[in-house]
Amino acid sequence: MYFGLDHAYQKRWIPGFGLTGAIALVTGLHMTFTWPVRGIFKIAYAEMTVLFGILFLSASLALALGWDLLTVAVYAFLLDWLLL
């Protein structure tokens, strides 16, 4: 049976968000420093991957510490709005 993020036991989502965030952050940083294409393509792929990695890691941290996910959502919206 599927339980969403509104379920009382949210700790089961920590490894999923943490591993996804770590992989996205590491591969995004690798693309940022070694990507041979310059300009807008680097921003569109590498830096957005780093941003999503940080957001997934912050969601994992928020779930681990029992914080509300609304704060992570607000930061995600503001960072996305700034990058556009």
PDB file of N, CA and C in Angstrom:
ATOM      1  N   MET A   1       0.845  -1.170   0.000  1.00  0.00           N
ATOM      2  CA  MET A   1       0.000   0.000   0.000  1.00  0.00           C
ATOM      3  C   MET A   1       0.897   1.243   0.000  1.00  0.00           C
ATOM      4  N   TYR A   2       0.524   2.225  -0.760  1.00  0.00           N
ATOM      5  CA  TYR A   2       1.324   3.442  -0.921  1.00  0.00           C
ATOM      6  C   TYR A   2       0.909   4.495   0.101  1.00  0.00           C
ATOM      7  N   PHE A   3       1.908   5.035   0.780  1.00  0.00           N
ATOM      8  CA  PHE A   3       1.682   6.147   1.698  1.00  0.00           C
ATOM      9  C   PHE A   3       2.486   7.338   1.200  1.00  0.00           C
ATOM     10  N   GLY A   4       1.872   8.488   1.139  1.00  0.00           N
ATOM     11  CA  GLY A   4       2.526   9.680   0.628  1.00  0.00           C
ATOM     12  C   GLY A   4       3.277  10.436   1.700  1.00  0.00           C
ATOM     13  N   LEU A   5       3.703  11.620   1.353  1.00  0.00           N
ATOM     14  CA  LEU A   5       4.447  12.450   2.290  1.00  0.00           C
ATOM     15  C   LEU A   5       3.571  13.028   3.391  1.00  0.00           C
ATOM     16  N   ASP A   6       2.256  12.927   3.249  1.00  0.00           N
ATOM     17  CA  ASP A   6       1.374  13.434   4.289  1.00  0.00           C
ATOM     18  C   ASP A   6       1.107  12.389   5.373  1.00  0.00           C
ATOM     19  N   HIS A   7       1.692  11.210   5.224  1.00  0.00           N
ATOM     20  CA  HIS A   7       1.538  10.162   6.230  1.00  0.00           C
ATOM     21  C   HIS A   7       2.315  10.543   7.492  1.00  0.00           C
ATOM     22  N   ALA A   8       1.915  10.002   8.617  1.00  0.00           N
ATOM     23  CA  ALA A   8       2.554  10.346   9.893  1.00  0.00           C
ATOM     24  C   ALA A   8       4.009   9.882   9.956  1.00  0.00           C
ATOM     25  N   TYR A   9       4.322   8.762   9.328  1.00  0.00           N
ATOM     26  CA  TYR A   9       5.693   8.234   9.355  1.00  0.00           C
ATOM     27  C   TYR A   9       6.408   8.643   8.073  1.00  0.00           C
ATOM     28  N   GLN A  10       7.114   9.760   8.126  1.00  0.00           N
ATOM     29  CA  GLN A  10       7.793  10.287   6.941  1.00  0.00           C
ATOM     30  C   GLN A  10       9.263   9.886   6.875  1.00  0.00           C
ATOM     31  N   LYS A  11       9.770   9.221   7.875  1.00  0.00           N
ATOM     32  CA  LYS A  11      11.192   8.861   7.903  1.00  0.00           C
ATOM     33  C   LYS A  11      11.562   7.887   6.787  1.00  0.00           C
ATOM     34  N   ARG A  12      10.595   7.174   6.219  1.00  0.00           N
ATOM     35  CA  ARG A  12      10.905   6.227   5.156  1.00  0.00           C
ATOM     36  C   ARG A  12      11.355   6.919   3.872  1.00  0.00           C
ATOM     37  N   TRP A  13      11.122   8.222   3.741  1.00  0.00           N
ATOM     38  CA  TRP A  13      11.491   8.960   2.537  1.00  0.00           C
ATOM     39  C   TRP A  13      12.912   9.513   2.591  1.00  0.00           C
ATOM     40  N   ILE A  14      13.553   9.464   3.745  1.00  0.00           N
ATOM     41  CA  ILE A  14      14.884  10.058   3.906  1.00  0.00           C
ATOM     42  C   ILE A  14      15.925   9.425   2.972  1.00  0.00           C
ATOM     43  N   PRO A  15      16.062   8.093   2.902  1.00  0.00           N
ATOM     44  CA  PRO A  15      17.080   7.532   1.999  1.00  0.00           C
ATOM     45  C   PRO A  15      16.830   7.851   0.528  1.00  0.00           C
ATOM     46  N   GLY A  16      15.579   7.861   0.111  1.00  0.00           N
ATOM     47  CA  GLY A  16      15.279   8.158  -1.288  1.00  0.00           C
ATOM     48  C   GLY A  16      15.667   9.576  -1.678  1.00  0.00           C
ATOM     49  N   PHE A  17      15.272  10.539  -0.852  1.00  0.00           N
ATOM     50  CA  PHE A  17      15.642  11.920  -1.134  1.00  0.00           C
ATOM     51  C   PHE A  17      17.147  12.133  -0.976  1.00  0.00           C
ATOM     52  N   GLY A  18      17.745  11.489   0.014  1.00  0.00           N
ATOM     53  CA  GLY A  18      19.177  11.672   0.254  1.00  0.00           C
ATOM     54  C   GLY A  18      20.038  11.117  -0.866  1.00  0.00           C
ATOM     55  N   LEU A  19      19.743   9.892  -1.305  1.00  0.00           N
ATOM     56  CA  LEU A  19      20.536   9.291  -2.387  1.00  0.00           C
ATOM     57  C   LEU A  19      20.329  10.011  -3.708  1.00  0.00           C
ATOM     58  N   THR A  20      19.099  10.376  -4.004  1.00  0.00           N
ATOM     59  CA  THR A  20      18.837  11.125  -5.233  1.00  0.00           C
ATOM     60  C   THR A  20      19.557  12.466  -5.215  1.00  0.00           C
ATOM     61  N   GLY A  21      19.524  13.143  -4.075  1.00  0.00           N
ATOM     62  CA  GLY A  21      20.206  14.428  -3.958  1.00  0.00           C
ATOM     63  C   GLY A  21      21.712  14.307  -4.061  1.00  0.00           C
ATOM     64  N   ALA A  22      22.278  13.268  -3.442  1.00  0.00           N
ATOM     65  CA  ALA A  22      23.728  13.087  -3.501  1.00  0.00           C
ATOM     66  C   ALA A  22      24.187  12.782  -4.921  1.00  0.00           C
ATOM     67  N   ILE A  23      23.457  11.909  -5.615  1.00  0.00           N
ATOM     68  CA  ILE A  23      23.828  11.583  -6.999  1.00  0.00           C
ATOM     69  C   ILE A  23      23.692  12.808  -7.894  1.00  0.00           C
ATOM     70  N   ALA A  24      22.600  13.551  -7.738  1.00  0.00           N
ATOM     71  CA  ALA A  24      22.409  14.744  -8.565  1.00  0.00           C
ATOM     72  C   ALA A  24      23.465  15.803  -8.272  1.00  0.00           C
ATOM     73  N   LEU A  25      23.822  15.974  -7.009  1.00  0.00           N
ATOM     74  CA  LEU A  25      24.832  16.983  -6.658  1.00  0.00           C
ATOM     75  C   LEU A  25      26.202  16.606  -7.213  1.00  0.00           C
ATOM     76  N   VAL A  26      26.594  15.350  -7.048  1.00  0.00           N
ATOM     77  CA  VAL A  26      27.915  14.921  -7.523  1.00  0.00           C
ATOM     78  C   VAL A  26      28.002  14.987  -9.049  1.00  0.00           C
ATOM     79  N   THR A  27      26.994  14.475  -9.738  1.00  0.00           N
ATOM     80  CA  THR A  27      27.054  14.517 -11.201  1.00  0.00           C
ATOM     81  C   THR A  27      26.900  15.940 -11.728  1.00  0.00           C
ATOM     82  N   GLY A  28      26.125  16.770 -11.045  1.00  0.00           N
ATOM     83  CA  GLY A  28      26.004  18.169 -11.456  1.00  0.00           C
ATOM     84  C   GLY A  28      27.305  18.931 -11.293  1.00  0.00           C
ATOM     85  N   LEU A  29      28.004  18.697 -10.187  1.00  0.00           N
ATOM     86  CA  LEU A  29      29.301  19.354 -10.004  1.00  0.00           C
ATOM     87  C   LEU A  29      30.321  18.841 -11.012  1.00  0.00           C
ATOM     88  N   HIS A  30      30.265  17.549 -11.303  1.00  0.00           N
ATOM     89  CA  HIS A  30      31.172  17.005 -12.318  1.00  0.00           C
ATOM     90  C   HIS A  30      30.905  17.640 -13.681  1.00  0.00           C
ATOM     91  N   MET A  31      29.637  17.788 -14.041  1.00  0.00           N
ATOM     92  CA  MET A  31      29.307  18.439 -15.313  1.00  0.00           C
ATOM     93  C   MET A  31      29.716  19.904 -15.311  1.00  0.00           C
ATOM     94  N   THR A  32      29.571  20.576 -14.175  1.00  0.00           N
ATOM     95  CA  THR A  32      29.925  21.994 -14.109  1.00  0.00           C
ATOM     96  C   THR A  32      31.406  22.210 -14.377  1.00  0.00           C
ATOM     97  N   PHE A  33      32.241  21.339 -13.821  1.00  0.00           N
ATOM     98  CA  PHE A  33      33.683  21.546 -13.949  1.00  0.00           C
ATOM     99  C   PHE A  33      34.294  20.911 -15.180  1.00  0.00           C
ATOM    100  N   THR A  34      33.641  19.911 -15.782  1.00  0.00           N
ATOM    101  CA  THR A  34      34.258  19.232 -16.916  1.00  0.00           C
ATOM    102  C   THR A  34      33.438  19.308 -18.197  1.00  0.00           C
ATOM    103  N   TRP A  35      32.323  19.998 -18.209  1.00  0.00           N
ATOM    104  CA  TRP A  35      31.455  20.078 -19.383  1.00  0.00           C
ATOM    105  C   TRP A  35      32.162  20.838 -20.489  1.00  0.00           C
ATOM    106  N   PRO A  36      32.341  20.260 -21.669  1.00  0.00           N
ATOM    107  CA  PRO A  36      33.073  20.951 -22.731  1.00  0.00           C
ATOM    108  C   PRO A  36      32.270  22.045 -23.432  1.00  0.00           C
ATOM    109  N   VAL A  37      30.952  22.014 -23.297  1.00  0.00           N
ATOM    110  CA  VAL A  37      30.103  22.998 -23.959  1.00  0.00           C
ATOM    111  C   VAL A  37      29.979  24.220 -23.051  1.00  0.00           C
ATOM    112  N   ARG A  38      30.098  25.389 -23.600  1.00  0.00           N
ATOM    113  CA  ARG A  38      30.032  26.622 -22.828  1.00  0.00           C
ATOM    114  C   ARG A  38      28.652  27.250 -22.921  1.00  0.00           C
ATOM    115  N   GLY A  39      28.403  28.211 -22.080  1.00  0.00           N
ATOM    116  CA  GLY A  39      27.228  29.051 -22.206  1.00  0.00           C
ATOM    117  C   GLY A  39      25.961  28.477 -21.609  1.00  0.00           C
ATOM    118  N   ILE A  40      24.887  28.683 -22.346  1.00  0.00           N
ATOM    119  CA  ILE A  40      23.554  28.395 -21.847  1.00  0.00           C
ATOM    120  C   ILE A  40      23.335  26.907 -21.587  1.00  0.00           C
ATOM    121  N   PHE A  41      23.995  26.025 -22.315  1.00  0.00           N
ATOM    122  CA  PHE A  41      23.807  24.596 -22.117  1.00  0.00           C
ATOM    123  C   PHE A  41      24.354  24.150 -20.767  1.00  0.00           C
ATOM    124  N   LYS A  42      25.426  24.767 -20.332  1.00  0.00           N
ATOM    125  CA  LYS A  42      25.986  24.445 -19.027  1.00  0.00           C
ATOM    126  C   LYS A  42      25.036  24.881 -17.918  1.00  0.00           C
ATOM    127  N   ILE A  43      24.428  26.037 -18.099  1.00  0.00           N
ATOM    128  CA  ILE A  43      23.472  26.528 -17.102  1.00  0.00           C
ATOM    129  C   ILE A  43      22.236  25.642 -17.089  1.00  0.00           C
ATOM    130  N   ALA A  44      21.752  25.256 -18.254  1.00  0.00           N
ATOM    131  CA  ALA A  44      20.511  24.494 -18.349  1.00  0.00           C
ATOM    132  C   ALA A  44      20.645  23.090 -17.779  1.00  0.00           C
ATOM    133  N   TYR A  45      21.797  22.463 -17.921  1.00  0.00           N
ATOM    134  CA  TYR A  45      21.933  21.076 -17.491  1.00  0.00           C
ATOM    135  C   TYR A  45      22.714  20.958 -16.184  1.00  0.00           C
ATOM    136  N   ALA A  46      23.919  21.462 -16.145  1.00  0.00           N
ATOM    137  CA  ALA A  46      24.786  21.225 -14.996  1.00  0.00           C
ATOM    138  C   ALA A  46      24.334  21.980 -13.753  1.00  0.00           C
ATOM    139  N   GLU A  47      24.082  23.259 -13.886  1.00  0.00           N
ATOM    140  CA  GLU A  47      23.753  24.045 -12.705  1.00  0.00           C
ATOM    141  C   GLU A  47      22.358  23.731 -12.178  1.00  0.00           C
ATOM    142  N   MET A  48      21.436  23.368 -13.054  1.00  0.00           N
ATOM    143  CA  MET A  48      20.117  22.961 -12.580  1.00  0.00           C
ATOM    144  C   MET A  48      20.186  21.613 -11.863  1.00  0.00           C
ATOM    145  N   THR A  49      21.084  20.737 -12.308  1.00  0.00           N
ATOM    146  CA  THR A  49      21.260  19.463 -11.623  1.00  0.00           C
ATOM    147  C   THR A  49      21.826  19.681 -10.230  1.00  0.00           C
ATOM    148  N   VAL A  50      22.757  20.613 -10.087  1.00  0.00           N
ATOM    149  CA  VAL A  50      23.284  20.950  -8.766  1.00  0.00           C
ATOM    150  C   VAL A  50      22.176  21.516  -7.887  1.00  0.00           C
ATOM    151  N   LEU A  51      21.350  22.382  -8.437  1.00  0.00           N
ATOM    152  CA  LEU A  51      20.241  22.963  -7.680  1.00  0.00           C
ATOM    153  C   LEU A  51      19.271  21.892  -7.205  1.00  0.00           C
ATOM    154  N   PHE A  52      18.889  20.984  -8.084  1.00  0.00           N
ATOM    155  CA  PHE A  52      17.969  19.921  -7.689  1.00  0.00           C
ATOM    156  C   PHE A  52      18.610  18.981  -6.674  1.00  0.00           C
ATOM    157  N   GLY A  53      19.908  18.739  -6.803  1.00  0.00           N
ATOM    158  CA  GLY A  53      20.601  17.915  -5.813  1.00  0.00           C
ATOM    159  C   GLY A  53      20.580  18.542  -4.435  1.00  0.00           C
ATOM    160  N   ILE A  54      20.819  19.841  -4.383  1.00  0.00           N
ATOM    161  CA  ILE A  54      20.775  20.544  -3.097  1.00  0.00           C
ATOM    162  C   ILE A  54      19.367  20.532  -2.532  1.00  0.00           C
ATOM    163  N   LEU A  55      18.370  20.701  -3.378  1.00  0.00           N
ATOM    164  CA  LEU A  55      16.985  20.680  -2.895  1.00  0.00           C
ATOM    165  C   LEU A  55      16.583  19.299  -2.380  1.00  0.00           C
ATOM    166  N   PHE A  56      16.986  18.248  -3.062  1.00  0.00           N
ATOM    167  CA  PHE A  56      16.679  16.907  -2.578  1.00  0.00           C
ATOM    168  C   PHE A  56      17.400  16.619  -1.260  1.00  0.00           C
ATOM    169  N   LEU A  57      18.653  17.044  -1.147  1.00  0.00           N
ATOM    170  CA  LEU A  57      19.369  16.852   0.114  1.00  0.00           C
ATOM    171  C   LEU A  57      18.755  17.656   1.248  1.00  0.00           C
ATOM    172  N   SER A  58      18.299  18.867   0.958  1.00  0.00           N
ATOM    173  CA  SER A  58      17.658  19.661   2.001  1.00  0.00           C
ATOM    174  C   SER A  58      16.303  19.066   2.397  1.00  0.00           C
ATOM    175  N   ALA A  59      15.581  18.464   1.453  1.00  0.00           N
ATOM    176  CA  ALA A  59      14.337  17.774   1.795  1.00  0.00           C
ATOM    177  C   ALA A  59      14.625  16.564   2.679  1.00  0.00           C
ATOM    178  N   SER A  60      15.692  15.848   2.387  1.00  0.00           N
ATOM    179  CA  SER A  60      16.082  14.713   3.214  1.00  0.00           C
ATOM    180  C   SER A  60      16.461  15.163   4.621  1.00  0.00           C
ATOM    181  N   LEU A  61      17.206  16.248   4.711  1.00  0.00           N
ATOM    182  CA  LEU A  61      17.589  16.782   6.021  1.00  0.00           C
ATOM    183  C   LEU A  61      16.377  17.271   6.800  1.00  0.00           C
ATOM    184  N   ALA A  62      15.451  17.928   6.109  1.00  0.00           N
ATOM    185  CA  ALA A  62      14.244  18.414   6.773  1.00  0.00           C
ATOM    186  C   ALA A  62      13.399  17.259   7.295  1.00  0.00           C
ATOM    187  N   LEU A  63      13.294  16.185   6.528  1.00  0.00           N
ATOM    188  CA  LEU A  63      12.547  15.021   6.998  1.00  0.00           C
ATOM    189  C   LEU A  63      13.250  14.336   8.163  1.00  0.00           C
ATOM    190  N   ALA A  64      14.583  14.291   8.120  1.00  0.00           N
ATOM    191  CA  ALA A  64      15.332  13.641   9.192  1.00  0.00           C
ATOM    192  C   ALA A  64      15.205  14.403  10.514  1.00  0.00           C
ATOM    193  N   LEU A  65      15.155  15.715  10.430  1.00  0.00           N
ATOM    194  CA  LEU A  65      15.083  16.521  11.651  1.00  0.00           C
ATOM    195  C   LEU A  65      13.654  16.863  12.056  1.00  0.00           C
ATOM    196  N   GLY A  66      12.691  16.434  11.257  1.00  0.00           N
ATOM    197  CA  GLY A  66      11.296  16.671  11.596  1.00  0.00           C
ATOM    198  C   GLY A  66      10.807  18.071  11.285  1.00  0.00           C
ATOM    199  N   TRP A  67      11.474  18.770  10.384  1.00  0.00           N
ATOM    200  CA  TRP A  67      11.060  20.118  10.004  1.00  0.00           C
ATOM    201  C   TRP A  67       9.931  20.049   8.989  1.00  0.00           C
ATOM    202  N   ASP A  68       9.301  21.184   8.782  1.00  0.00           N
ATOM    203  CA  ASP A  68       8.233  21.273   7.791  1.00  0.00           C
ATOM    204  C   ASP A  68       8.837  21.414   6.394  1.00  0.00           C
ATOM    205  N   LEU A  69       8.249  20.753   5.419  1.00  0.00           N
ATOM    206  CA  LEU A  69       8.765  20.805   4.047  1.00  0.00           C
ATOM    207  C   LEU A  69       8.368  22.081   3.318  1.00  0.00           C
ATOM    208  N   LEU A  70       7.524  22.902   3.924  1.00  0.00           N
ATOM    209  CA  LEU A  70       7.127  24.157   3.286  1.00  0.00           C
ATOM    210  C   LEU A  70       8.323  25.089   3.116  1.00  0.00           C
ATOM    211  N   THR A  71       9.229  25.091   4.070  1.00  0.00           N
ATOM    212  CA  THR A  71      10.422  25.938   3.965  1.00  0.00           C
ATOM    213  C   THR A  71      11.279  25.536   2.769  1.00  0.00           C
ATOM    214  N   VAL A  72      11.458  24.246   2.565  1.00  0.00           N
ATOM    215  CA  VAL A  72      12.219  23.766   1.406  1.00  0.00           C
ATOM    216  C   VAL A  72      11.506  24.146   0.116  1.00  0.00           C
ATOM    217  N   ALA A  73      10.188  24.055   0.105  1.00  0.00           N
ATOM    218  CA  ALA A  73       9.417  24.415  -1.092  1.00  0.00           C
ATOM    219  C   ALA A  73       9.541  25.900  -1.407  1.00  0.00           C
ATOM    220  N   VAL A  74       9.550  26.748  -0.389  1.00  0.00           N
ATOM    221  CA  VAL A  74       9.696  28.189  -0.610  1.00  0.00           C
ATOM    222  C   VAL A  74      11.071  28.500  -1.180  1.00  0.00           C
ATOM    223  N   TYR A  75      12.126  27.899  -0.612  1.00  0.00           N
ATOM    224  CA  TYR A  75      13.474  28.109  -1.145  1.00  0.00           C
ATOM    225  C   TYR A  75      13.588  27.592  -2.577  1.00  0.00           C
ATOM    226  N   ALA A  76      12.977  26.463  -2.872  1.00  0.00           N
ATOM    227  CA  ALA A  76      13.009  25.923  -4.233  1.00  0.00           C
ATOM    228  C   ALA A  76      12.330  26.874  -5.208  1.00  0.00           C
ATOM    229  N   PHE A  77      11.189  27.404  -4.819  1.00  0.00           N
ATOM    230  CA  PHE A  77      10.484  28.335  -5.689  1.00  0.00           C
ATOM    231  C   PHE A  77      11.293  29.603  -5.910  1.00  0.00           C
ATOM    232  N   LEU A  78      11.875  30.153  -4.853  1.00  0.00           N
ATOM    233  CA  LEU A  78      12.643  31.394  -4.990  1.00  0.00           C
ATOM    234  C   LEU A  78      13.911  31.189  -5.810  1.00  0.00           C
ATOM    235  N   LEU A  79      14.618  30.076  -5.596  1.00  0.00           N
ATOM    236  CA  LEU A  79      15.829  29.811  -6.374  1.00  0.00           C
ATOM    237  C   LEU A  79      15.506  29.570  -7.852  1.00  0.00           C
ATOM    238  N   ASP A  80      14.426  28.863  -8.102  1.00  0.00           N
ATOM    239  CA  ASP A  80      14.028  28.624  -9.483  1.00  0.00           C
ATOM    240  C   ASP A  80      13.626  29.928 -10.156  1.00  0.00           C
ATOM    241  N   TRP A  81      12.938  30.764  -9.451  1.00  0.00           N
ATOM    242  CA  TRP A  81      12.523  32.047  -9.988  1.00  0.00           C
ATOM    243  C   TRP A  81      13.734  32.944 -10.264  1.00  0.00           C
ATOM    244  N   LEU A  82      14.730  32.889  -9.391  1.00  0.00           N
ATOM    245  CA  LEU A  82      15.950  33.692  -9.598  1.00  0.00           C
ATOM    246  C   LEU A  82      16.748  33.209 -10.805  1.00  0.00           C
ATOM    247  N   LEU A  83      16.798  31.890 -11.007  1.00  0.00           N
ATOM    248  CA  LEU A  83      17.580  31.353 -12.119  1.00  0.00           C
ATOM    249  C   LEU A  83      16.919  31.591 -13.466  1.00  0.00           C
ATOM    250  N   LEU A  84      15.607  31.744 -13.468  1.00  0.00           N
ATOM    251  CA  LEU A  84      14.937  32.003 -14.743  1.00  0.00           C
ATOM    252  C   LEU A  84      15.100  33.440 -15.090  1.00  0.00           C
TER     253      LEU A  84
END
